């Protein structure tokens, strides 16, 4: 649904602005806008066409313009600007329990964390536990979250392989067999193990 799609973009803007330690009122405005759209029952496209979008609590004139731009051009300048200078996979780490934008910013600036694997390296090396405000317990909890996220992304990546197979009618067992054979063939083709393949997919 378009409401959820735009809500996600507004939430990402809020995360990016908080990550960059920008004006907290702007962060809050985008955060509230994201929540407002996520809870909205009416289609945002209808509200815009009827000039009722700013009647939604949490959607001011500025956010309404961002939304209108996205609906018209399928791009949002505010989102593009907010994401400038941030590694493409970095904000995805906010899915991990215990990591907020400000904490993530510290890990990026002080330890060079930019994705799931550089974060795991920082944990394994003990550098994260040594940081003030983190400690061994936090590092241990984060490691568990990293491992859970890696498994989830591995499953998503494996399921996506079926999209490369020609459309046909197959049973679930045959479908799994196709995925397994394709994955094994590609790993053999490139001469890589399962762990490295997962790293490439992430």
C-alpha atoms as a PDB file:
ATOM      1  CA  UNK A   1       0.000   0.000   0.000  1.00  0.00           C
ATOM      2  CA  UNK A   2       1.260   3.455  -0.907  1.00  0.00           C
ATOM      3  CA  UNK A   3       0.687   4.765   2.638  1.00  0.00           C
ATOM      4  CA  UNK A   4       3.138   2.216   4.069  1.00  0.00           C
ATOM      5  CA  UNK A   5       5.640   2.863   1.293  1.00  0.00           C
ATOM      6  CA  UNK A   6       5.750   6.598   1.978  1.00  0.00           C
ATOM      7  CA  UNK A   7       5.664   6.016   5.745  1.00  0.00           C
ATOM      8  CA  UNK A   8       8.852   3.973   5.398  1.00  0.00           C
ATOM      9  CA  UNK A   9      10.549   6.757   3.433  1.00  0.00           C
ATOM     10  CA  UNK A  10       9.624   9.355   6.052  1.00  0.00           C
ATOM     11  CA  UNK A  11      10.899   7.051   8.795  1.00  0.00           C
ATOM     12  CA  UNK A  12      14.184   6.613   6.948  1.00  0.00           C
ATOM     13  CA  UNK A  13      14.533  10.392   6.672  1.00  0.00           C
ATOM     14  CA  UNK A  14      13.996  10.694  10.437  1.00  0.00           C
ATOM     15  CA  UNK A  15      16.619   7.998  11.095  1.00  0.00           C
ATOM     16  CA  UNK A  16      19.112   9.634   8.726  1.00  0.00           C
ATOM     17  CA  UNK A  17      18.636  13.088  10.243  1.00  0.00           C
ATOM     18  CA  UNK A  18      19.013  11.722  13.772  1.00  0.00           C
ATOM     19  CA  UNK A  19      22.084   9.763  12.657  1.00  0.00           C
ATOM     20  CA  UNK A  20      23.585  13.045  11.415  1.00  0.00           C
ATOM     21  CA  UNK A  21      22.589  14.791  14.669  1.00  0.00           C
ATOM     22  CA  UNK A  22      20.490  17.354  12.830  1.00  0.00           C
ATOM     23  CA  UNK A  23      17.685  19.513  14.258  1.00  0.00           C
ATOM     24  CA  UNK A  24      15.628  17.345  16.601  1.00  0.00           C
ATOM     25  CA  UNK A  25      12.411  19.112  15.622  1.00  0.00           C
ATOM     26  CA  UNK A  26      12.912  18.042  11.996  1.00  0.00           C
ATOM     27  CA  UNK A  27      13.589  14.505  13.173  1.00  0.00           C
ATOM     28  CA  UNK A  28      10.417  14.559  15.237  1.00  0.00           C
ATOM     29  CA  UNK A  29       8.371  16.004  12.359  1.00  0.00           C
ATOM     30  CA  UNK A  30       9.372  13.206   9.994  1.00  0.00           C
ATOM     31  CA  UNK A  31       8.943  10.589  12.717  1.00  0.00           C
ATOM     32  CA  UNK A  32       5.412  11.798  13.446  1.00  0.00           C
ATOM     33  CA  UNK A  33       4.635  11.948   9.734  1.00  0.00           C
ATOM     34  CA  UNK A  34       5.767   8.350   9.285  1.00  0.00           C
ATOM     35  CA  UNK A  35       3.605   7.198  12.182  1.00  0.00           C
ATOM     36  CA  UNK A  36       0.619   9.185  10.916  1.00  0.00           C
ATOM     37  CA  UNK A  37       0.759   7.547   7.476  1.00  0.00           C
ATOM     38  CA  UNK A  38       1.314   4.080   8.943  1.00  0.00           C
ATOM     39  CA  UNK A  39      -1.896   4.427  10.963  1.00  0.00           C
ATOM     40  CA  UNK A  40      -3.904   6.125   8.213  1.00  0.00           C
ATOM     41  CA  UNK A  41      -6.972   4.268   6.926  1.00  0.00           C
ATOM     42  CA  UNK A  42      -7.575   6.456   3.875  1.00  0.00           C
ATOM     43  CA  UNK A  43      -5.377   6.289   0.793  1.00  0.00           C
ATOM     44  CA  UNK A  44      -2.922   9.192   0.823  1.00  0.00           C
ATOM     45  CA  UNK A  45      -3.450   9.630  -2.935  1.00  0.00           C
ATOM     46  CA  UNK A  46      -7.136  10.373  -2.367  1.00  0.00           C
ATOM     47  CA  UNK A  47      -6.383  12.799   0.464  1.00  0.00           C
ATOM     48  CA  UNK A  48      -3.926  14.687  -1.735  1.00  0.00           C
ATOM     49  CA  UNK A  49      -6.317  14.909  -4.677  1.00  0.00           C
ATOM     50  CA  UNK A  50      -9.033  16.240  -2.373  1.00  0.00           C
ATOM     51  CA  UNK A  51      -6.626  18.701  -0.723  1.00  0.00           C
ATOM     52  CA  UNK A  52      -7.186  17.114   2.688  1.00  0.00           C
ATOM     53  CA  UNK A  53      -3.688  15.790   3.328  1.00  0.00           C
ATOM     54  CA  UNK A  54      -2.696  18.532   5.772  1.00  0.00           C
ATOM     55  CA  UNK A  55      -5.818  17.778   7.794  1.00  0.00           C
ATOM     56  CA  UNK A  56      -4.108  14.589   8.969  1.00  0.00           C
ATOM     57  CA  UNK A  57      -2.509  15.097  12.382  1.00  0.00           C
ATOM     58  CA  UNK A  58       1.269  14.973  11.961  1.00  0.00           C
ATOM     59  CA  UNK A  59       1.275  16.015   8.284  1.00  0.00           C
ATOM     60  CA  UNK A  60       2.223  19.656   7.837  1.00  0.00           C
ATOM     61  CA  UNK A  61       2.728  21.670   4.668  1.00  0.00           C
ATOM     62  CA  UNK A  62       6.366  20.593   4.237  1.00  0.00           C
ATOM     63  CA  UNK A  63       5.649  16.875   4.565  1.00  0.00           C
ATOM     64  CA  UNK A  64       2.632  17.239   2.292  1.00  0.00           C
ATOM     65  CA  UNK A  65       4.940  18.660  -0.396  1.00  0.00           C
ATOM     66  CA  UNK A  66       7.359  15.740   0.051  1.00  0.00           C
ATOM     67  CA  UNK A  67       4.484  13.287  -0.304  1.00  0.00           C
ATOM     68  CA  UNK A  68       3.072  15.086  -3.350  1.00  0.00           C
ATOM     69  CA  UNK A  69       6.501  14.977  -5.008  1.00  0.00           C
ATOM     70  CA  UNK A  70       6.790  11.242  -4.421  1.00  0.00           C
ATOM     71  CA  UNK A  71       3.319  10.520  -5.761  1.00  0.00           C
ATOM     72  CA  UNK A  72       3.991  12.574  -8.883  1.00  0.00           C
ATOM     73  CA  UNK A  73       7.606  11.561  -9.609  1.00  0.00           C
ATOM     74  CA  UNK A  74       8.209   8.442  -7.502  1.00  0.00           C
ATOM     75  CA  UNK A  75      11.165  10.170  -5.865  1.00  0.00           C
ATOM     76  CA  UNK A  76      11.547  12.318  -2.765  1.00  0.00           C
ATOM     77  CA  UNK A  77      14.259  14.984  -2.747  1.00  0.00           C
ATOM     78  CA  UNK A  78      14.200  15.223   1.054  1.00  0.00           C
ATOM     79  CA  UNK A  79      14.937  11.499   1.290  1.00  0.00           C
ATOM     80  CA  UNK A  80      17.775  11.671  -1.224  1.00  0.00           C
ATOM     81  CA  UNK A  81      19.396  14.592   0.620  1.00  0.00           C
ATOM     82  CA  UNK A  82      18.992  12.943   4.027  1.00  0.00           C
ATOM     83  CA  UNK A  83      20.693   9.772   2.803  1.00  0.00           C
ATOM     84  CA  UNK A  84      23.683  11.589   1.283  1.00  0.00           C
ATOM     85  CA  UNK A  85      26.973  10.507   2.847  1.00  0.00           C
ATOM     86  CA  UNK A  86      25.482   7.481   4.601  1.00  0.00           C
ATOM     87  CA  UNK A  87      26.692   4.024   3.458  1.00  0.00           C
ATOM     88  CA  UNK A  88      23.794   2.251   1.726  1.00  0.00           C
ATOM     89  CA  UNK A  89      23.596  -0.676   4.170  1.00  0.00           C
ATOM     90  CA  UNK A  90      24.317   1.211   7.363  1.00  0.00           C
ATOM     91  CA  UNK A  91      20.821   2.287   8.419  1.00  0.00           C
ATOM     92  CA  UNK A  92      19.645  -1.283   7.918  1.00  0.00           C
ATOM     93  CA  UNK A  93      21.462  -2.053  11.176  1.00  0.00           C
ATOM     94  CA  UNK A  94      18.742  -0.132  13.019  1.00  0.00           C
ATOM     95  CA  UNK A  95      16.727  -3.358  12.763  1.00  0.00           C
ATOM     96  CA  UNK A  96      19.023  -4.731  15.449  1.00  0.00           C
ATOM     97  CA  UNK A  97      17.711  -4.572  18.988  1.00  0.00           C
ATOM     98  CA  UNK A  98      19.580  -2.020  21.100  1.00  0.00           C
ATOM     99  CA  UNK A  99      20.836   0.125  18.219  1.00  0.00           C
ATOM    100  CA  UNK A 100      19.375   3.584  17.650  1.00  0.00           C
ATOM    101  CA  UNK A 101      20.563   6.230  15.157  1.00  0.00           C
ATOM    102  CA  UNK A 102      22.843   8.008  17.634  1.00  0.00           C
ATOM    103  CA  UNK A 103      24.518   4.829  18.843  1.00  0.00           C
ATOM    104  CA  UNK A 104      24.924   3.694  15.267  1.00  0.00           C
ATOM    105  CA  UNK A 105      26.545   7.014  14.389  1.00  0.00           C
ATOM    106  CA  UNK A 106      29.161   6.431  17.099  1.00  0.00           C
ATOM    107  CA  UNK A 107      29.918   2.954  15.794  1.00  0.00           C
ATOM    108  CA  UNK A 108      30.297   4.320  12.278  1.00  0.00           C
ATOM    109  CA  UNK A 109      32.516   7.244  13.233  1.00  0.00           C
ATOM    110  CA  UNK A 110      34.655   5.532  15.879  1.00  0.00           C
ATOM    111  CA  UNK A 111      34.848   1.932  14.628  1.00  0.00           C
ATOM    112  CA  UNK A 112      34.154   2.294  10.914  1.00  0.00           C
ATOM    113  CA  UNK A 113      31.001   0.158  11.039  1.00  0.00           C
ATOM    114  CA  UNK A 114      29.174   0.337   7.698  1.00  0.00           C
ATOM    115  CA  UNK A 115      27.248  -2.942   7.424  1.00  0.00           C
ATOM    116  CA  UNK A 116      26.406  -6.182   9.210  1.00  0.00           C
ATOM    117  CA  UNK A 117      29.846  -7.706   8.682  1.00  0.00           C
ATOM    118  CA  UNK A 118      31.905  -4.727   9.846  1.00  0.00           C
ATOM    119  CA  UNK A 119      29.675  -4.606  12.922  1.00  0.00           C
ATOM    120  CA  UNK A 120      30.304  -8.298  13.622  1.00  0.00           C
ATOM    121  CA  UNK A 121      34.028  -7.708  13.199  1.00  0.00           C
ATOM    122  CA  UNK A 122      33.892  -4.860  15.730  1.00  0.00           C
ATOM    123  CA  UNK A 123      32.121  -7.174  18.174  1.00  0.00           C
ATOM    124  CA  UNK A 124      34.417 -10.164  17.611  1.00  0.00           C
ATOM    125  CA  UNK A 125      37.549  -8.052  17.997  1.00  0.00           C
ATOM    126  CA  UNK A 126      36.356  -6.658  21.338  1.00  0.00           C
ATOM    127  CA  UNK A 127      36.462  -3.067  20.076  1.00  0.00           C
ATOM    128  CA  UNK A 128      32.735  -2.535  20.565  1.00  0.00           C
ATOM    129  CA  UNK A 129      32.728  -3.842  24.143  1.00  0.00           C
ATOM    130  CA  UNK A 130      35.598  -1.481  24.947  1.00  0.00           C
ATOM    131  CA  UNK A 131      33.611   1.603  23.905  1.00  0.00           C
ATOM    132  CA  UNK A 132      32.103   3.754  26.645  1.00  0.00           C
ATOM    133  CA  UNK A 133      28.376   3.254  26.892  1.00  0.00           C
ATOM    134  CA  UNK A 134      28.452  -0.241  25.405  1.00  0.00           C
ATOM    135  CA  UNK A 135      30.305  -2.930  27.371  1.00  0.00           C
ATOM    136  CA  UNK A 136      30.463  -6.712  27.184  1.00  0.00           C
ATOM    137  CA  UNK A 137      26.752  -7.330  27.820  1.00  0.00           C
ATOM    138  CA  UNK A 138      25.664  -4.981  25.042  1.00  0.00           C
ATOM    139  CA  UNK A 139      28.194  -6.554  22.682  1.00  0.00           C
ATOM    140  CA  UNK A 140      26.871 -10.021  23.531  1.00  0.00           C
ATOM    141  CA  UNK A 141      23.253  -8.975  22.900  1.00  0.00           C
ATOM    142  CA  UNK A 142      24.182  -7.282  19.647  1.00  0.00           C
ATOM    143  CA  UNK A 143      26.031 -10.369  18.451  1.00  0.00           C
ATOM    144  CA  UNK A 144      22.896 -12.455  18.959  1.00  0.00           C
ATOM    145  CA  UNK A 145      20.869  -9.872  17.031  1.00  0.00           C
ATOM    146  CA  UNK A 146      23.459  -9.841  14.232  1.00  0.00           C
ATOM    147  CA  UNK A 147      23.303 -13.623  13.926  1.00  0.00           C
ATOM    148  CA  UNK A 148      19.485 -13.622  13.819  1.00  0.00           C
ATOM    149  CA  UNK A 149      19.435 -10.903  11.152  1.00  0.00           C
ATOM    150  CA  UNK A 150      22.047 -12.740   9.075  1.00  0.00           C
ATOM    151  CA  UNK A 151      19.945 -15.910   9.125  1.00  0.00           C
ATOM    152  CA  UNK A 152      16.824 -13.953   8.138  1.00  0.00           C
ATOM    153  CA  UNK A 153      18.591 -12.267   5.229  1.00  0.00           C
ATOM    154  CA  UNK A 154      20.047 -15.612   4.120  1.00  0.00           C
ATOM    155  CA  UNK A 155      16.530 -17.052   3.907  1.00  0.00           C
ATOM    156  CA  UNK A 156      15.277 -14.035   1.950  1.00  0.00           C
ATOM    157  CA  UNK A 157      18.213 -14.249  -0.459  1.00  0.00           C
ATOM    158  CA  UNK A 158      17.669 -17.991  -0.970  1.00  0.00           C
ATOM    159  CA  UNK A 159      13.962 -17.542  -1.678  1.00  0.00           C
ATOM    160  CA  UNK A 160      14.681 -14.786  -4.196  1.00  0.00           C
ATOM    161  CA  UNK A 161      16.676 -17.226  -6.372  1.00  0.00           C
ATOM    162  CA  UNK A 162      13.446 -18.744  -7.611  1.00  0.00           C
ATOM    163  CA  UNK A 163      12.698 -15.508  -9.481  1.00  0.00           C
ATOM    164  CA  UNK A 164      15.456 -16.471 -11.928  1.00  0.00           C
ATOM    165  CA  UNK A 165      13.706 -19.727 -12.853  1.00  0.00           C
ATOM    166  CA  UNK A 166      11.374 -19.796 -15.918  1.00  0.00           C
ATOM    167  CA  UNK A 167       7.673 -19.570 -14.939  1.00  0.00           C
ATOM    168  CA  UNK A 168       6.129 -23.040 -14.592  1.00  0.00           C
ATOM    169  CA  UNK A 169       3.886 -25.030 -12.307  1.00  0.00           C
ATOM    170  CA  UNK A 170       5.931 -26.906  -9.708  1.00  0.00           C
ATOM    171  CA  UNK A 171       5.285 -28.419  -6.300  1.00  0.00           C
ATOM    172  CA  UNK A 172       6.780 -26.913  -3.105  1.00  0.00           C
ATOM    173  CA  UNK A 173       9.244 -29.823  -2.916  1.00  0.00           C
ATOM    174  CA  UNK A 174      10.339 -29.285  -6.508  1.00  0.00           C
ATOM    175  CA  UNK A 175      10.614 -25.568  -5.849  1.00  0.00           C
ATOM    176  CA  UNK A 176      12.973 -26.160  -2.927  1.00  0.00           C
ATOM    177  CA  UNK A 177      14.989 -28.577  -5.058  1.00  0.00           C
ATOM    178  CA  UNK A 178      15.337 -25.967  -7.822  1.00  0.00           C
ATOM    179  CA  UNK A 179      16.543 -23.338  -5.352  1.00  0.00           C
ATOM    180  CA  UNK A 180      19.024 -25.723  -3.759  1.00  0.00           C
ATOM    181  CA  UNK A 181      20.481 -26.823  -7.098  1.00  0.00           C
ATOM    182  CA  UNK A 182      20.755 -23.233  -8.355  1.00  0.00           C
ATOM    183  CA  UNK A 183      22.473 -22.088  -5.183  1.00  0.00           C
ATOM    184  CA  UNK A 184      24.925 -25.005  -5.235  1.00  0.00           C
ATOM    185  CA  UNK A 185      25.696 -24.432  -8.912  1.00  0.00           C
ATOM    186  CA  UNK A 186      26.365 -20.734  -8.442  1.00  0.00           C
ATOM    187  CA  UNK A 187      28.576 -21.354  -5.409  1.00  0.00           C
ATOM    188  CA  UNK A 188      30.568 -23.923  -7.396  1.00  0.00           C
ATOM    189  CA  UNK A 189      30.780 -21.588 -10.395  1.00  0.00           C
ATOM    190  CA  UNK A 190      32.351 -18.831  -8.336  1.00  0.00           C
ATOM    191  CA  UNK A 191      34.322 -21.145  -6.056  1.00  0.00           C
ATOM    192  CA  UNK A 192      32.972 -19.746  -2.802  1.00  0.00           C
ATOM    193  CA  UNK A 193      31.638 -21.230   0.403  1.00  0.00           C
ATOM    194  CA  UNK A 194      28.258 -20.660   2.018  1.00  0.00           C
ATOM    195  CA  UNK A 195      29.500 -17.985   4.420  1.00  0.00           C
ATOM    196  CA  UNK A 196      31.143 -15.922   1.710  1.00  0.00           C
ATOM    197  CA  UNK A 197      28.067 -16.330  -0.511  1.00  0.00           C
ATOM    198  CA  UNK A 198      25.897 -14.966   2.309  1.00  0.00           C
ATOM    199  CA  UNK A 199      28.249 -12.020   2.737  1.00  0.00           C
ATOM    200  CA  UNK A 200      27.972 -11.214  -0.977  1.00  0.00           C
ATOM    201  CA  UNK A 201      24.173 -11.431  -0.891  1.00  0.00           C
ATOM    202  CA  UNK A 202      24.039  -9.017   2.064  1.00  0.00           C
END
